[in-house]
Amino acid sequence: MDVLQNPIPLYLLGAIPALFVAGHAPFSTLTSKFLHILVCLGCPFTPLFYFLHVEAGVSQDGVDNCAYWLPAAKFEYRDGENGVVRRWPFGFKTKSLDFTRIPDIKARLAECLAKISFLDIFACFVSSYFIFVGIIIGIYRALGPCQEQDWPAIPLLLSWTLPILAVRVFKGKAVVKDPEEALEPIRGYISLNNNGNKKPRDILGTVLFTLLGSIAVNWAVVILTYYTKPQGFGCRSLGLSVVAGVWSFNSILSFIYYYLLNNPPPGVDESPIYLWLCTCGIMTLGFFIFFGVISNNPEWWVAMFGNSCDASCLATSS
């Protein structure tokens, strides 16, 4: 009972729904779904791009949300110079979807959408609460007096999921069926048109803002932890800096490969970096578990990493 009443495990459990929302993917197998959660845990830019620039951006009726999960072979763009080009339409060379040739495709994609349940909304609010409280605690502990009790840094590290949770709640819909399987009975392709007055370079600015914002938030958590009193929390920041560094590298890598090079999201088409992102997700998950366990036992920090990790106010004053 004492373990359950400790704030560290509670904050970790409270942040779990945020990972499931951010890592949601309409793949048909549980293995693929779980691997996508690992991808998002290893690269925050991947879910942020989908939620902020597809689900909350280009999609009006939700059909674009479904088309996002289709391989490049399902799209057809008639280029005057190069003829017919198979191109995924949500990257830098963005295109608008045209269903006039085969209206059944749009109807099939619409069937992949479903309204989120009250339980989904409640889970989003629960995670948002724990993350918000984690942010407040982090700022207070960095600026306030010395306190020896450990604090939940991991929910603070997941603060990049807040806009994702907001989009999921306010949009109220999610892709629950695999769009590629839904289109199997239909022969044909989704036609692509030029994206109206929206130029790729204009859209690039907002995507870059998302990329840089996600990186800045992660490193802000590292800085907050470093300046948290007592000084023993400084060694905690070293562990968090490893996660922030991996996330920064993977976010830049995904921005180049998936957005600038117009490749479908991880798990849809064969990707040379898919295995790497999954591996980073496993490592991040392992770090979160390890960090949560030793944060619940402060003496383990000193036993494993030396007196520099002594989180006692007496050690700081001396």
C-alpha atoms as a PDB file:
ATOM      1  CA  MET A   1       0.000   0.000   0.000  1.00  0.00           C
ATOM      2  CA  ASP A   2       2.855   2.391   0.751  1.00  0.00           C
ATOM      3  CA  VAL A   3       4.196   1.889  -2.768  1.00  0.00           C
ATOM      4  CA  LEU A   4       0.812   2.640  -4.323  1.00  0.00           C
ATOM      5  CA  GLN A   5       0.455   5.803  -2.244  1.00  0.00           C
ATOM      6  CA  ASN A   6       3.892   7.049  -3.281  1.00  0.00           C
ATOM      7  CA  PRO A   7       3.560   9.847  -5.879  1.00  0.00           C
ATOM      8  CA  ILE A   8       6.250   8.461  -8.196  1.00  0.00           C
ATOM      9  CA  PRO A   9       4.387   5.297  -9.360  1.00  0.00           C
ATOM     10  CA  LEU A  10       1.119   7.227  -9.560  1.00  0.00           C
ATOM     11  CA  TYR A  11       2.615   9.841 -11.858  1.00  0.00           C
ATOM     12  CA  LEU A  12       4.155   7.172 -14.065  1.00  0.00           C
ATOM     13  CA  LEU A  13       0.857   5.295 -14.360  1.00  0.00           C
ATOM     14  CA  GLY A  14      -0.973   8.556 -15.019  1.00  0.00           C
ATOM     15  CA  ALA A  15       1.251   9.329 -17.998  1.00  0.00           C
ATOM     16  CA  ILE A  16       0.742   5.933 -19.675  1.00  0.00           C
ATOM     17  CA  PRO A  17      -2.511   6.869 -21.521  1.00  0.00           C
ATOM     18  CA  ALA A  18      -0.657   9.723 -23.235  1.00  0.00           C
ATOM     19  CA  LEU A  19       1.729   7.204 -24.808  1.00  0.00           C
ATOM     20  CA  PHE A  20      -1.152   5.049 -26.049  1.00  0.00           C
ATOM     21  CA  VAL A  21      -2.901   8.055 -27.601  1.00  0.00           C
ATOM     22  CA  ALA A  22       0.281   9.364 -29.239  1.00  0.00           C
ATOM     23  CA  GLY A  23       1.199   5.893 -30.500  1.00  0.00           C
ATOM     24  CA  HIS A  24      -2.242   4.969 -31.799  1.00  0.00           C
ATOM     25  CA  ALA A  25      -2.160   3.474 -35.293  1.00  0.00           C
ATOM     26  CA  PRO A  26      -4.904   1.651 -37.254  1.00  0.00           C
ATOM     27  CA  PHE A  27      -2.787  -1.385 -38.097  1.00  0.00           C
ATOM     28  CA  SER A  28      -4.566  -4.733 -38.161  1.00  0.00           C
ATOM     29  CA  THR A  29      -2.203  -6.694 -35.888  1.00  0.00           C
ATOM     30  CA  LEU A  30      -1.402  -6.089 -32.234  1.00  0.00           C
ATOM     31  CA  THR A  31       2.300  -6.474 -32.983  1.00  0.00           C
ATOM     32  CA  SER A  32       2.217  -3.624 -35.510  1.00  0.00           C
ATOM     33  CA  LYS A  33       0.224  -1.461 -33.097  1.00  0.00           C
ATOM     34  CA  PHE A  34       2.716  -2.065 -30.288  1.00  0.00           C
ATOM     35  CA  LEU A  35       5.691  -1.411 -32.564  1.00  0.00           C
ATOM     36  CA  HIS A  36       4.172   1.928 -33.566  1.00  0.00           C
ATOM     37  CA  ILE A  37       3.878   2.895 -29.898  1.00  0.00           C
ATOM     38  CA  LEU A  38       7.588   2.124 -29.579  1.00  0.00           C
ATOM     39  CA  VAL A  39       8.326   4.239 -32.670  1.00  0.00           C
ATOM     40  CA  CYS A  40       6.490   7.210 -31.163  1.00  0.00           C
ATOM     41  CA  LEU A  41       8.232   6.661 -27.832  1.00  0.00           C
ATOM     42  CA  GLY A  42      11.547   6.777 -29.656  1.00  0.00           C
ATOM     43  CA  CYS A  43      10.682   9.772 -31.857  1.00  0.00           C
ATOM     44  CA  PRO A  44       8.213  12.468 -30.671  1.00  0.00           C
ATOM     45  CA  PHE A  45       8.145  14.197 -34.069  1.00  0.00           C
ATOM     46  CA  THR A  46       6.331  11.247 -35.676  1.00  0.00           C
ATOM     47  CA  PRO A  47       3.067  11.540 -33.677  1.00  0.00           C
ATOM     48  CA  LEU A  48       3.317  15.330 -33.429  1.00  0.00           C
ATOM     49  CA  PHE A  49       3.430  15.675 -37.208  1.00  0.00           C
ATOM     50  CA  TYR A  50       0.379  13.440 -37.662  1.00  0.00           C
ATOM     51  CA  PHE A  51      -1.771  15.042 -34.983  1.00  0.00           C
ATOM     52  CA  LEU A  52      -0.841  18.692 -35.584  1.00  0.00           C
ATOM     53  CA  HIS A  53      -0.422  18.765 -39.362  1.00  0.00           C
ATOM     54  CA  VAL A  54      -2.784  16.053 -40.603  1.00  0.00           C
ATOM     55  CA  GLU A  55      -5.523  15.396 -38.054  1.00  0.00           C
ATOM     56  CA  ALA A  56      -5.732  19.023 -36.894  1.00  0.00           C
ATOM     57  CA  GLY A  57      -4.418  20.563 -40.104  1.00  0.00           C
ATOM     58  CA  VAL A  58      -5.307  19.424 -43.601  1.00  0.00           C
ATOM     59  CA  SER A  59      -8.122  17.042 -42.670  1.00  0.00           C
ATOM     60  CA  GLN A  60     -11.599  18.559 -42.848  1.00  0.00           C
ATOM     61  CA  ASP A  61     -13.906  15.520 -42.708  1.00  0.00           C
ATOM     62  CA  GLY A  62     -11.404  13.053 -41.286  1.00  0.00           C
ATOM     63  CA  VAL A  63     -10.776  11.197 -44.548  1.00  0.00           C
ATOM     64  CA  ASP A  64      -7.264  12.618 -44.820  1.00  0.00           C
ATOM     65  CA  ASN A  65      -6.531  11.017 -41.445  1.00  0.00           C
ATOM     66  CA  CYS A  66      -7.201   7.642 -43.044  1.00  0.00           C
ATOM     67  CA  ALA A  67      -5.298   8.350 -46.264  1.00  0.00           C
ATOM     68  CA  TYR A  68      -2.240   9.234 -44.170  1.00  0.00           C
ATOM     69  CA  TRP A  69      -1.876   5.537 -43.323  1.00  0.00           C
ATOM     70  CA  LEU A  70      -1.788   4.385 -46.953  1.00  0.00           C
ATOM     71  CA  PRO A  71       1.396   3.494 -48.874  1.00  0.00           C
ATOM     72  CA  ALA A  72       2.637   5.681 -51.715  1.00  0.00           C
ATOM     73  CA  ALA A  73       1.452   3.080 -54.257  1.00  0.00           C
ATOM     74  CA  LYS A  74      -2.179   3.998 -53.484  1.00  0.00           C
ATOM     75  CA  PHE A  75      -1.782   7.569 -54.790  1.00  0.00           C
ATOM     76  CA  GLU A  76      -1.535   8.864 -58.339  1.00  0.00           C
ATOM     77  CA  TYR A  77      -0.241  12.256 -59.419  1.00  0.00           C
ATOM     78  CA  ARG A  78      -0.180  13.177 -63.098  1.00  0.00           C
ATOM     79  CA  ASP A  79       2.952  15.212 -63.666  1.00  0.00           C
ATOM     80  CA  GLY A  80       3.178  16.851 -67.079  1.00  0.00           C
ATOM     81  CA  GLU A  81       6.895  16.135 -67.383  1.00  0.00           C
ATOM     82  CA  ASN A  82       7.235  12.784 -65.621  1.00  0.00           C
ATOM     83  CA  GLY A  83       3.857  11.248 -66.399  1.00  0.00           C
ATOM     84  CA  VAL A  84       2.100   9.356 -63.593  1.00  0.00           C
ATOM     85  CA  VAL A  85       3.949   9.540 -60.267  1.00  0.00           C
ATOM     86  CA  ARG A  86       3.224   7.468 -57.144  1.00  0.00           C
ATOM     87  CA  ARG A  87       3.681   9.899 -54.306  1.00  0.00           C
ATOM     88  CA  TRP A  88       2.661  10.021 -50.668  1.00  0.00           C
ATOM     89  CA  PRO A  89       0.866  13.401 -50.412  1.00  0.00           C
ATOM     90  CA  PHE A  90       1.529  14.521 -46.833  1.00  0.00           C
ATOM     91  CA  GLY A  91       5.229  15.372 -46.983  1.00  0.00           C
ATOM     92  CA  PHE A  92       7.073  18.421 -48.284  1.00  0.00           C
ATOM     93  CA  LYS A  93       5.610  17.985 -51.788  1.00  0.00           C
ATOM     94  CA  THR A  94       2.129  18.103 -50.324  1.00  0.00           C
ATOM     95  CA  LYS A  95      -0.911  17.493 -52.529  1.00  0.00           C
ATOM     96  CA  SER A  96      -4.664  17.562 -52.001  1.00  0.00           C
ATOM     97  CA  LEU A  97      -6.768  14.424 -52.388  1.00  0.00           C
ATOM     98  CA  ASP A  98      -9.254  14.138 -55.266  1.00  0.00           C
ATOM     99  CA  PHE A  99     -11.948  11.448 -54.981  1.00  0.00           C
ATOM    100  CA  THR A 100     -14.044  12.495 -57.998  1.00  0.00           C
ATOM    101  CA  ARG A 101     -12.785   9.654 -60.216  1.00  0.00           C
ATOM    102  CA  ILE A 102     -13.613   6.892 -57.729  1.00  0.00           C
ATOM    103  CA  PRO A 103     -16.021   8.181 -55.044  1.00  0.00           C
ATOM    104  CA  ASP A 104     -16.202   4.730 -53.434  1.00  0.00           C
ATOM    105  CA  ILE A 105     -12.672   5.206 -52.137  1.00  0.00           C
ATOM    106  CA  LYS A 106     -13.746   8.144 -49.985  1.00  0.00           C
ATOM    107  CA  ALA A 107     -16.728   6.192 -48.664  1.00  0.00           C
ATOM    108  CA  ARG A 108     -14.491   3.255 -47.771  1.00  0.00           C
ATOM    109  CA  LEU A 109     -12.011   5.501 -45.987  1.00  0.00           C
ATOM    110  CA  ALA A 110     -14.801   7.206 -44.046  1.00  0.00           C
ATOM    111  CA  GLU A 111     -15.793   3.796 -42.673  1.00  0.00           C
ATOM    112  CA  CYS A 112     -12.381   3.568 -41.002  1.00  0.00           C
ATOM    113  CA  LEU A 113     -13.237   6.498 -38.713  1.00  0.00           C
ATOM    114  CA  ALA A 114     -15.032   6.266 -35.391  1.00  0.00           C
ATOM    115  CA  LYS A 115     -15.879   8.663 -32.593  1.00  0.00           C
ATOM    116  CA  ILE A 116     -13.697   8.310 -29.535  1.00  0.00           C
ATOM    117  CA  SER A 117     -15.402   7.017 -26.407  1.00  0.00           C
ATOM    118  CA  PHE A 118     -15.935   8.780 -23.105  1.00  0.00           C
ATOM    119  CA  LEU A 119     -13.255   6.501 -21.643  1.00  0.00           C
ATOM    120  CA  ASP A 120     -10.768   7.779 -24.250  1.00  0.00           C
ATOM    121  CA  ILE A 121     -11.592  11.378 -23.371  1.00  0.00           C
ATOM    122  CA  PHE A 122     -11.267  10.635 -19.657  1.00  0.00           C
ATOM    123  CA  ALA A 123      -7.865   8.985 -20.206  1.00  0.00           C
ATOM    124  CA  CYS A 124      -6.666  12.082 -22.079  1.00  0.00           C
ATOM    125  CA  PHE A 125      -7.724  14.331 -19.209  1.00  0.00           C
ATOM    126  CA  VAL A 126      -6.072  12.053 -16.635  1.00  0.00           C
ATOM    127  CA  SER A 127      -2.744  12.128 -18.467  1.00  0.00           C
ATOM    128  CA  SER A 128      -3.019  15.881 -19.033  1.00  0.00           C
ATOM    129  CA  TYR A 129      -3.602  16.390 -15.307  1.00  0.00           C
ATOM    130  CA  PHE A 130      -0.520  14.423 -14.256  1.00  0.00           C
ATOM    131  CA  ILE A 131       1.654  16.085 -16.892  1.00  0.00           C
ATOM    132  CA  PHE A 132       0.450  19.586 -15.959  1.00  0.00           C
ATOM    133  CA  VAL A 133       1.063  18.904 -12.276  1.00  0.00           C
ATOM    134  CA  GLY A 134       4.489  17.514 -13.156  1.00  0.00           C
ATOM    135  CA  ILE A 135       5.313  20.753 -14.991  1.00  0.00           C
ATOM    136  CA  ILE A 136       4.212  22.882 -12.028  1.00  0.00           C
ATOM    137  CA  ILE A 137       6.204  20.733  -9.595  1.00  0.00           C
ATOM    138  CA  GLY A 138       9.253  20.884 -11.846  1.00  0.00           C
ATOM    139  CA  ILE A 139       9.214  24.682 -12.038  1.00  0.00           C
ATOM    140  CA  TYR A 140       8.566  25.038  -8.305  1.00  0.00           C
ATOM    141  CA  ARG A 141      11.342  22.624  -7.364  1.00  0.00           C
ATOM    142  CA  ALA A 142      13.808  24.425  -9.648  1.00  0.00           C
ATOM    143  CA  LEU A 143      12.982  27.877  -8.254  1.00  0.00           C
ATOM    144  CA  GLY A 144      11.861  27.046  -4.713  1.00  0.00           C
ATOM    145  CA  PRO A 145      13.569  25.823  -1.534  1.00  0.00           C
ATOM    146  CA  CYS A 146      15.434  22.555  -1.162  1.00  0.00           C
ATOM    147  CA  GLN A 147      13.245  19.459  -0.719  1.00  0.00           C
ATOM    148  CA  GLU A 148      14.597  15.951  -0.383  1.00  0.00           C
ATOM    149  CA  GLN A 149      11.534  14.132  -1.729  1.00  0.00           C
ATOM    150  CA  ASP A 150      12.025  12.912  -5.283  1.00  0.00           C
ATOM    151  CA  TRP A 151       9.694  14.227  -7.954  1.00  0.00           C
ATOM    152  CA  PRO A 152       8.179  12.721 -11.124  1.00  0.00           C
ATOM    153  CA  ALA A 153      10.400  13.878 -13.971  1.00  0.00           C
ATOM    154  CA  ILE A 154       9.033  11.423 -16.547  1.00  0.00           C
ATOM    155  CA  PRO A 155       5.539  12.987 -16.875  1.00  0.00           C
ATOM    156  CA  LEU A 156       7.337  16.306 -17.344  1.00  0.00           C
ATOM    157  CA  LEU A 157       9.457  14.678 -20.055  1.00  0.00           C
ATOM    158  CA  LEU A 158       6.200  13.658 -21.787  1.00  0.00           C
ATOM    159  CA  SER A 159       4.904  17.233 -21.930  1.00  0.00           C
ATOM    160  CA  TRP A 160       5.220  17.086 -25.743  1.00  0.00           C
ATOM    161  CA  THR A 161       2.120  14.850 -25.717  1.00  0.00           C
ATOM    162  CA  LEU A 162      -0.150  17.658 -24.438  1.00  0.00           C
ATOM    163  CA  PRO A 163      -1.005  19.076 -27.901  1.00  0.00           C
ATOM    164  CA  ILE A 164      -1.640  15.513 -29.094  1.00  0.00           C
ATOM    165  CA  LEU A 165      -4.109  14.902 -26.270  1.00  0.00           C
ATOM    166  CA  ALA A 166      -5.835  18.220 -27.006  1.00  0.00           C
ATOM    167  CA  VAL A 167      -6.260  17.398 -30.705  1.00  0.00           C
ATOM    168  CA  ARG A 168      -7.644  13.951 -29.936  1.00  0.00           C
ATOM    169  CA  VAL A 169     -10.250  15.361 -27.534  1.00  0.00           C
ATOM    170  CA  PHE A 170     -11.351  18.335 -29.655  1.00  0.00           C
ATOM    171  CA  LYS A 171     -11.426  16.444 -32.955  1.00  0.00           C
ATOM    172  CA  GLY A 172     -13.286  13.570 -31.314  1.00  0.00           C
ATOM    173  CA  LYS A 173     -12.494  10.974 -33.987  1.00  0.00           C
ATOM    174  CA  ALA A 174      -9.830   8.351 -34.541  1.00  0.00           C
ATOM    175  CA  VAL A 175      -8.882   5.976 -37.355  1.00  0.00           C
ATOM    176  CA  VAL A 176      -9.771   2.541 -35.972  1.00  0.00           C
ATOM    177  CA  LYS A 177      -9.650   0.338 -39.099  1.00  0.00           C
ATOM    178  CA  ASP A 178      -6.723  -0.285 -41.415  1.00  0.00           C
ATOM    179  CA  PRO A 179      -7.377   1.920 -44.500  1.00  0.00           C
ATOM    180  CA  GLU A 180      -5.226  -0.293 -46.722  1.00  0.00           C
ATOM    181  CA  GLU A 181      -7.388  -3.321 -45.940  1.00  0.00           C
ATOM    182  CA  ALA A 182     -10.542  -1.250 -46.433  1.00  0.00           C
ATOM    183  CA  LEU A 183      -9.474  -0.367 -49.999  1.00  0.00           C
ATOM    184  CA  GLU A 184      -8.489  -3.905 -51.032  1.00  0.00           C
ATOM    185  CA  PRO A 185     -11.808  -4.612 -52.872  1.00  0.00           C
ATOM    186  CA  ILE A 186     -11.454  -1.394 -54.914  1.00  0.00           C
ATOM    187  CA  ARG A 187      -9.172  -1.201 -57.916  1.00  0.00           C
ATOM    188  CA  GLY A 188      -7.836   2.259 -58.554  1.00  0.00           C
ATOM    189  CA  TYR A 189      -5.833   5.052 -57.025  1.00  0.00           C
ATOM    190  CA  ILE A 190      -6.473   8.258 -55.137  1.00  0.00           C
ATOM    191  CA  SER A 191      -5.830  11.146 -57.501  1.00  0.00           C
ATOM    192  CA  LEU A 192      -3.697  14.038 -56.285  1.00  0.00           C
ATOM    193  CA  ASN A 193      -3.980  17.705 -57.175  1.00  0.00           C
ATOM    194  CA  ASN A 194      -1.817  20.712 -56.436  1.00  0.00           C
ATOM    195  CA  ASN A 195      -2.537  22.017 -52.958  1.00  0.00           C
ATOM    196  CA  GLY A 196      -4.264  25.270 -53.956  1.00  0.00           C
ATOM    197  CA  ASN A 197      -2.572  28.428 -52.714  1.00  0.00           C
ATOM    198  CA  LYS A 198      -0.578  26.573 -50.065  1.00  0.00           C
ATOM    199  CA  LYS A 199       3.032  26.384 -51.159  1.00  0.00           C
ATOM    200  CA  PRO A 200       5.339  23.671 -49.770  1.00  0.00           C
ATOM    201  CA  ARG A 201       7.711  26.278 -48.338  1.00  0.00           C
ATOM    202  CA  ASP A 202       4.885  27.943 -46.409  1.00  0.00           C
ATOM    203  CA  ILE A 203       3.841  24.626 -44.852  1.00  0.00           C
ATOM    204  CA  LEU A 204       7.489  23.804 -44.178  1.00  0.00           C
ATOM    205  CA  GLY A 205       7.673  26.698 -41.716  1.00  0.00           C
ATOM    206  CA  THR A 206       4.919  25.303 -39.487  1.00  0.00           C
ATOM    207  CA  VAL A 207       6.394  21.796 -39.595  1.00  0.00           C
ATOM    208  CA  LEU A 208       9.816  23.180 -38.667  1.00  0.00           C
ATOM    209  CA  PHE A 209       8.210  25.019 -35.753  1.00  0.00           C
ATOM    210  CA  THR A 210       6.771  21.704 -34.539  1.00  0.00           C
ATOM    211  CA  LEU A 211      10.155  20.013 -34.878  1.00  0.00           C
ATOM    212  CA  LEU A 212      12.110  22.729 -33.059  1.00  0.00           C
ATOM    213  CA  GLY A 213       9.407  23.146 -30.419  1.00  0.00           C
ATOM    214  CA  SER A 214       9.438  19.457 -29.521  1.00  0.00           C
ATOM    215  CA  ILE A 215      13.236  19.485 -29.239  1.00  0.00           C
ATOM    216  CA  ALA A 216      13.243  22.657 -27.110  1.00  0.00           C
ATOM    217  CA  VAL A 217      10.650  21.265 -24.686  1.00  0.00           C
ATOM    218  CA  ASN A 218      12.697  18.122 -24.068  1.00  0.00           C
ATOM    219  CA  TRP A 219      15.874  20.047 -23.315  1.00  0.00           C
ATOM    220  CA  ALA A 220      13.960  22.472 -21.085  1.00  0.00           C
ATOM    221  CA  VAL A 221      13.095  19.485 -18.889  1.00  0.00           C
ATOM    222  CA  VAL A 222      16.790  18.589 -18.656  1.00  0.00           C
ATOM    223  CA  ILE A 223      17.662  22.154 -17.607  1.00  0.00           C
ATOM    224  CA  LEU A 224      14.874  22.250 -15.004  1.00  0.00           C
ATOM    225  CA  THR A 225      16.091  18.979 -13.510  1.00  0.00           C
ATOM    226  CA  TYR A 226      19.694  20.163 -13.442  1.00  0.00           C
ATOM    227  CA  TYR A 227      18.815  23.282 -11.423  1.00  0.00           C
ATOM    228  CA  THR A 228      16.453  21.457  -9.067  1.00  0.00           C
ATOM    229  CA  LYS A 229      17.641  21.521  -5.466  1.00  0.00           C
ATOM    230  CA  PRO A 230      19.294  19.545  -3.908  1.00  0.00           C
ATOM    231  CA  GLN A 231      22.288  19.328  -6.213  1.00  0.00           C
ATOM    232  CA  GLY A 232      22.036  15.526  -6.302  1.00  0.00           C
ATOM    233  CA  PHE A 233      19.294  15.956  -8.887  1.00  0.00           C
ATOM    234  CA  GLY A 234      21.990  17.079 -11.291  1.00  0.00           C
ATOM    235  CA  CYS A 235      22.904  13.459 -11.999  1.00  0.00           C
ATOM    236  CA  ARG A 236      19.233  12.769 -12.816  1.00  0.00           C
ATOM    237  CA  SER A 237      19.528  15.371 -15.535  1.00  0.00           C
ATOM    238  CA  LEU A 238      22.351  13.373 -17.147  1.00  0.00           C
ATOM    239  CA  GLY A 239      19.997  10.450 -17.697  1.00  0.00           C
ATOM    240  CA  LEU A 240      17.265  12.723 -19.021  1.00  0.00           C
ATOM    241  CA  SER A 241      19.772  14.386 -21.359  1.00  0.00           C
ATOM    242  CA  VAL A 242      20.440  11.002 -22.988  1.00  0.00           C
ATOM    243  CA  VAL A 243      16.722  10.605 -23.735  1.00  0.00           C
ATOM    244  CA  ALA A 244      16.460  14.208 -24.953  1.00  0.00           C
ATOM    245  CA  GLY A 245      19.493  13.688 -27.196  1.00  0.00           C
ATOM    246  CA  VAL A 246      18.079  10.498 -28.732  1.00  0.00           C
ATOM    247  CA  TRP A 247      14.700  12.168 -29.255  1.00  0.00           C
ATOM    248  CA  SER A 248      16.303  15.206 -30.871  1.00  0.00           C
ATOM    249  CA  PHE A 249      18.376  13.094 -33.257  1.00  0.00           C
ATOM    250  CA  ASN A 250      15.460  10.836 -34.195  1.00  0.00           C
ATOM    251  CA  SER A 251      13.081  13.761 -34.676  1.00  0.00           C
ATOM    252  CA  ILE A 252      15.490  15.430 -37.095  1.00  0.00           C
ATOM    253  CA  LEU A 253      16.063  12.095 -38.860  1.00  0.00           C
ATOM    254  CA  SER A 254      12.317  11.488 -39.219  1.00  0.00           C
ATOM    255  CA  PHE A 255      11.723  15.049 -40.385  1.00  0.00           C
ATOM    256  CA  ILE A 256      14.209  14.496 -43.208  1.00  0.00           C
ATOM    257  CA  TYR A 257      13.148  10.978 -44.170  1.00  0.00           C
ATOM    258  CA  TYR A 258       9.375  11.114 -43.744  1.00  0.00           C
ATOM    259  CA  TYR A 259       8.593  14.765 -44.413  1.00  0.00           C
ATOM    260  CA  LEU A 260      11.247  16.202 -46.718  1.00  0.00           C
ATOM    261  CA  LEU A 261      11.602  12.974 -48.727  1.00  0.00           C
ATOM    262  CA  ASN A 262       7.841  12.272 -48.786  1.00  0.00           C
ATOM    263  CA  ASN A 263       7.915   8.769 -47.333  1.00  0.00           C
ATOM    264  CA  PRO A 264       4.837   7.220 -45.648  1.00  0.00           C
ATOM    265  CA  PRO A 265       4.841   6.883 -41.848  1.00  0.00           C
ATOM    266  CA  PRO A 266       6.730   4.111 -40.027  1.00  0.00           C
ATOM    267  CA  GLY A 267       5.144   0.701 -40.443  1.00  0.00           C
ATOM    268  CA  VAL A 268       3.270   1.517 -43.673  1.00  0.00           C
ATOM    269  CA  ASP A 269       6.017   1.085 -46.260  1.00  0.00           C
ATOM    270  CA  GLU A 270       9.386  -0.554 -45.799  1.00  0.00           C
ATOM    271  CA  SER A 271      11.635   1.958 -44.085  1.00  0.00           C
ATOM    272  CA  PRO A 272      15.372   1.692 -43.422  1.00  0.00           C
ATOM    273  CA  ILE A 273      15.015   3.600 -40.139  1.00  0.00           C
ATOM    274  CA  TYR A 274      11.929   1.759 -38.832  1.00  0.00           C
ATOM    275  CA  LEU A 275      13.948  -0.825 -36.874  1.00  0.00           C
ATOM    276  CA  TRP A 276      16.145   1.919 -35.427  1.00  0.00           C
ATOM    277  CA  LEU A 277      13.147   3.899 -34.156  1.00  0.00           C
ATOM    278  CA  CYS A 278      11.628   0.757 -32.604  1.00  0.00           C
ATOM    279  CA  THR A 279      14.940  -0.004 -30.893  1.00  0.00           C
ATOM    280  CA  CYS A 280      15.120   3.534 -29.497  1.00  0.00           C
ATOM    281  CA  GLY A 281      11.550   3.142 -28.249  1.00  0.00           C
ATOM    282  CA  ILE A 282      12.492  -0.035 -26.372  1.00  0.00           C
ATOM    283  CA  MET A 283      15.524   1.695 -24.857  1.00  0.00           C
ATOM    284  CA  THR A 284      13.419   4.706 -23.817  1.00  0.00           C
ATOM    285  CA  LEU A 285      10.780   2.458 -22.248  1.00  0.00           C
ATOM    286  CA  GLY A 286      13.495   0.609 -20.347  1.00  0.00           C
ATOM    287  CA  PHE A 287      14.951   3.907 -19.150  1.00  0.00           C
ATOM    288  CA  PHE A 288      11.546   5.102 -17.942  1.00  0.00           C
ATOM    289  CA  ILE A 289      11.046   1.909 -15.921  1.00  0.00           C
ATOM    290  CA  PHE A 290      14.575   2.077 -14.497  1.00  0.00           C
ATOM    291  CA  PHE A 291      14.247   5.784 -13.708  1.00  0.00           C
ATOM    292  CA  GLY A 292      10.906   5.247 -11.986  1.00  0.00           C
ATOM    293  CA  VAL A 293      12.231   2.387  -9.839  1.00  0.00           C
ATOM    294  CA  ILE A 294      15.362   4.143  -8.602  1.00  0.00           C
ATOM    295  CA  SER A 295      13.523   7.448  -8.109  1.00  0.00           C
ATOM    296  CA  ASN A 296      11.262   5.553  -5.731  1.00  0.00           C
ATOM    297  CA  ASN A 297      14.405   4.445  -3.856  1.00  0.00           C
ATOM    298  CA  PRO A 298      16.708   7.525  -3.609  1.00  0.00           C
ATOM    299  CA  GLU A 299      19.442   5.608  -1.796  1.00  0.00           C
ATOM    300  CA  TRP A 300      19.944   3.512  -4.936  1.00  0.00           C
ATOM    301  CA  TRP A 301      21.188   6.600  -6.778  1.00  0.00           C
ATOM    302  CA  VAL A 302      24.111   6.934  -4.361  1.00  0.00           C
ATOM    303  CA  ALA A 303      24.774   3.183  -4.328  1.00  0.00           C
ATOM    304  CA  MET A 304      25.006   2.999  -8.132  1.00  0.00           C
ATOM    305  CA  PHE A 305      26.389   6.402  -9.130  1.00  0.00           C
ATOM    306  CA  GLY A 306      28.222   7.756  -6.089  1.00  0.00           C
ATOM    307  CA  ASN A 307      27.824  10.643  -3.652  1.00  0.00           C
ATOM    308  CA  SER A 308      27.347  13.172  -6.457  1.00  0.00           C
ATOM    309  CA  CYS A 309      23.787  11.816  -6.713  1.00  0.00           C
ATOM    310  CA  ASP A 310      23.042  12.318  -3.009  1.00  0.00           C
ATOM    311  CA  ALA A 311      19.709  14.155  -3.059  1.00  0.00           C
ATOM    312  CA  SER A 312      19.792  15.339   0.551  1.00  0.00           C
ATOM    313  CA  CYS A 313      19.581  19.012   1.454  1.00  0.00           C
ATOM    314  CA  LEU A 314      22.330  18.441   4.025  1.00  0.00           C
ATOM    315  CA  ALA A 315      24.694  17.343   1.264  1.00  0.00           C
ATOM    316  CA  THR A 316      23.827  20.464  -0.708  1.00  0.00           C
ATOM    317  CA  SER A 317      24.426  22.833   2.202  1.00  0.00           C
ATOM    318  CA  SER A 318      27.768  21.266   2.980  1.00  0.00           C
END
